[in-house]
Amino acid sequence: MIQKILGPSFAPMLGPLLHERNWNIARTVHRAADHGNTRKVVVVVGKGHVPGVVYCLMHPWRVRMRHWAWKQQQQQQKDQM
């Protein structure tokens, strides 16, 4: 739906935005599991986020490194402007 709203001019931004949102959802789920007395947490997310959130939860170290690398790339692009 957001792809239809933003249109093709914002297409390059959609991947990083989706990844960022998946990472934030997974981090929140992980935090909720750590703070509770149980390791079971029920999460309701949109269909498009499920694969990314599951990946983030199963590979937290890789995701953090990818996120860090992406942030570094964004900073370098800002510095060049």
C-alpha atoms as a PDB file:
ATOM      1  CA  MET A   1       0.000   0.000   0.000  1.00  0.00           C
ATOM      2  CA  ILE A   2       2.750   2.448   0.879  1.00  0.00           C
ATOM      3  CA  GLN A   3       4.357   1.700  -2.493  1.00  0.00           C
ATOM      4  CA  LYS A   4       1.215   2.939  -4.239  1.00  0.00           C
ATOM      5  CA  ILE A   5       1.076   6.063  -2.076  1.00  0.00           C
ATOM      6  CA  LEU A   6       4.724   7.061  -2.420  1.00  0.00           C
ATOM      7  CA  GLY A   7       5.017   5.999  -6.023  1.00  0.00           C
ATOM      8  CA  PRO A   8       8.076   5.021  -8.014  1.00  0.00           C
ATOM      9  CA  SER A   9       9.984   8.203  -7.157  1.00  0.00           C
ATOM     10  CA  PHE A  10      10.492   6.948  -3.595  1.00  0.00           C
ATOM     11  CA  ALA A  11      11.158   3.297  -4.550  1.00  0.00           C
ATOM     12  CA  PRO A  12      14.862   3.365  -3.504  1.00  0.00           C
ATOM     13  CA  MET A  13      13.836   4.431   0.005  1.00  0.00           C
ATOM     14  CA  LEU A  14      11.306   1.656   0.577  1.00  0.00           C
ATOM     15  CA  GLY A  15      13.850  -1.147   1.118  1.00  0.00           C
ATOM     16  CA  PRO A  16      15.836   0.665   3.817  1.00  0.00           C
ATOM     17  CA  LEU A  17      12.633   1.903   5.487  1.00  0.00           C
ATOM     18  CA  LEU A  18      11.188  -1.603   5.560  1.00  0.00           C
ATOM     19  CA  HIS A  19      14.453  -3.013   6.947  1.00  0.00           C
ATOM     20  CA  GLU A  20      14.597  -0.307   9.623  1.00  0.00           C
ATOM     21  CA  ARG A  21      11.012  -1.011  10.671  1.00  0.00           C
ATOM     22  CA  ASN A  22      11.593  -4.776  10.787  1.00  0.00           C
ATOM     23  CA  TRP A  23      14.679  -4.253  12.926  1.00  0.00           C
ATOM     24  CA  ASN A  24      12.798  -1.990  15.339  1.00  0.00           C
ATOM     25  CA  ILE A  25       9.907  -4.445  15.648  1.00  0.00           C
ATOM     26  CA  ALA A  26      12.296  -7.348  16.317  1.00  0.00           C
ATOM     27  CA  ARG A  27      14.218  -5.322  18.893  1.00  0.00           C
ATOM     28  CA  THR A  28      10.982  -4.436  20.688  1.00  0.00           C
ATOM     29  CA  VAL A  29       9.855  -8.076  20.678  1.00  0.00           C
ATOM     30  CA  HIS A  30      13.211  -9.188  22.055  1.00  0.00           C
ATOM     31  CA  ARG A  31      13.068  -6.534  24.785  1.00  0.00           C
ATOM     32  CA  ALA A  32       9.520  -7.538  25.731  1.00  0.00           C
ATOM     33  CA  ALA A  33      10.604 -11.184  26.054  1.00  0.00           C
ATOM     34  CA  ASP A  34      13.540 -10.186  28.274  1.00  0.00           C
ATOM     35  CA  HIS A  35      11.460  -8.037  30.626  1.00  0.00           C
ATOM     36  CA  GLY A  36       8.655 -10.503  31.229  1.00  0.00           C
ATOM     37  CA  ASN A  37       8.526 -13.628  33.373  1.00  0.00           C
ATOM     38  CA  THR A  38       7.947 -15.718  30.261  1.00  0.00           C
ATOM     39  CA  ARG A  39       9.740 -16.190  26.973  1.00  0.00           C
ATOM     40  CA  LYS A  40       6.432 -16.197  25.069  1.00  0.00           C
ATOM     41  CA  VAL A  41       5.404 -12.985  23.375  1.00  0.00           C
ATOM     42  CA  VAL A  42       2.483 -12.534  20.975  1.00  0.00           C
ATOM     43  CA  VAL A  43       3.156 -10.112  18.145  1.00  0.00           C
ATOM     44  CA  VAL A  44       0.793  -8.918  15.441  1.00  0.00           C
ATOM     45  CA  VAL A  45       2.512  -7.465  12.378  1.00  0.00           C
ATOM     46  CA  GLY A  46       1.574  -6.925   8.784  1.00  0.00           C
ATOM     47  CA  LYS A  47       2.181  -9.677   6.247  1.00  0.00           C
ATOM     48  CA  GLY A  48       5.010  -7.767   4.590  1.00  0.00           C
ATOM     49  CA  HIS A  49       6.995  -7.520   7.834  1.00  0.00           C
ATOM     50  CA  VAL A  50       6.831 -11.190   8.891  1.00  0.00           C
ATOM     51  CA  PRO A  51       9.862 -12.516   6.929  1.00  0.00           C
ATOM     52  CA  GLY A  52      12.051  -9.568   7.919  1.00  0.00           C
ATOM     53  CA  VAL A  53      11.095  -9.649  11.595  1.00  0.00           C
ATOM     54  CA  VAL A  54      11.642 -13.409  11.798  1.00  0.00           C
ATOM     55  CA  TYR A  55      15.047 -13.010  10.136  1.00  0.00           C
ATOM     56  CA  CYS A  56      15.990 -10.233  12.568  1.00  0.00           C
ATOM     57  CA  LEU A  57      14.980 -12.346  15.552  1.00  0.00           C
ATOM     58  CA  MET A  58      16.867 -15.420  14.333  1.00  0.00           C
ATOM     59  CA  HIS A  59      20.038 -13.559  13.216  1.00  0.00           C
ATOM     60  CA  PRO A  60      20.386 -10.571  15.573  1.00  0.00           C
ATOM     61  CA  TRP A  61      24.160 -10.197  15.150  1.00  0.00           C
ATOM     62  CA  ARG A  62      23.993 -10.081  11.333  1.00  0.00           C
ATOM     63  CA  VAL A  63      21.125  -7.630  11.442  1.00  0.00           C
ATOM     64  CA  ARG A  64      22.923  -5.285  13.820  1.00  0.00           C
ATOM     65  CA  MET A  65      26.016  -5.308  11.628  1.00  0.00           C
ATOM     66  CA  ARG A  66      23.955  -4.672   8.472  1.00  0.00           C
ATOM     67  CA  HIS A  67      22.115  -1.880  10.259  1.00  0.00           C
ATOM     68  CA  TRP A  68      25.378  -0.341  11.423  1.00  0.00           C
ATOM     69  CA  ALA A  69      26.859  -0.574   7.914  1.00  0.00           C
ATOM     70  CA  TRP A  70      23.744   1.020   6.436  1.00  0.00           C
ATOM     71  CA  LYS A  71      23.919   3.883   8.962  1.00  0.00           C
ATOM     72  CA  GLN A  72      27.602   4.417   8.097  1.00  0.00           C
ATOM     73  CA  GLN A  73      26.762   4.526   4.387  1.00  0.00           C
ATOM     74  CA  GLN A  74      24.004   7.064   5.005  1.00  0.00           C
ATOM     75  CA  GLN A  75      26.376   9.256   7.017  1.00  0.00           C
ATOM     76  CA  GLN A  76      29.016   9.131   4.277  1.00  0.00           C
ATOM     77  CA  GLN A  77      26.441  10.165   1.683  1.00  0.00           C
ATOM     78  CA  LYS A  78      25.403  13.120   3.858  1.00  0.00           C
ATOM     79  CA  ASP A  79      29.030  14.134   4.322  1.00  0.00           C
ATOM     80  CA  GLN A  80      29.608  14.135   0.540  1.00  0.00           C
ATOM     81  CA  MET A  81      26.750  16.544  -0.070  1.00  0.00           C
END
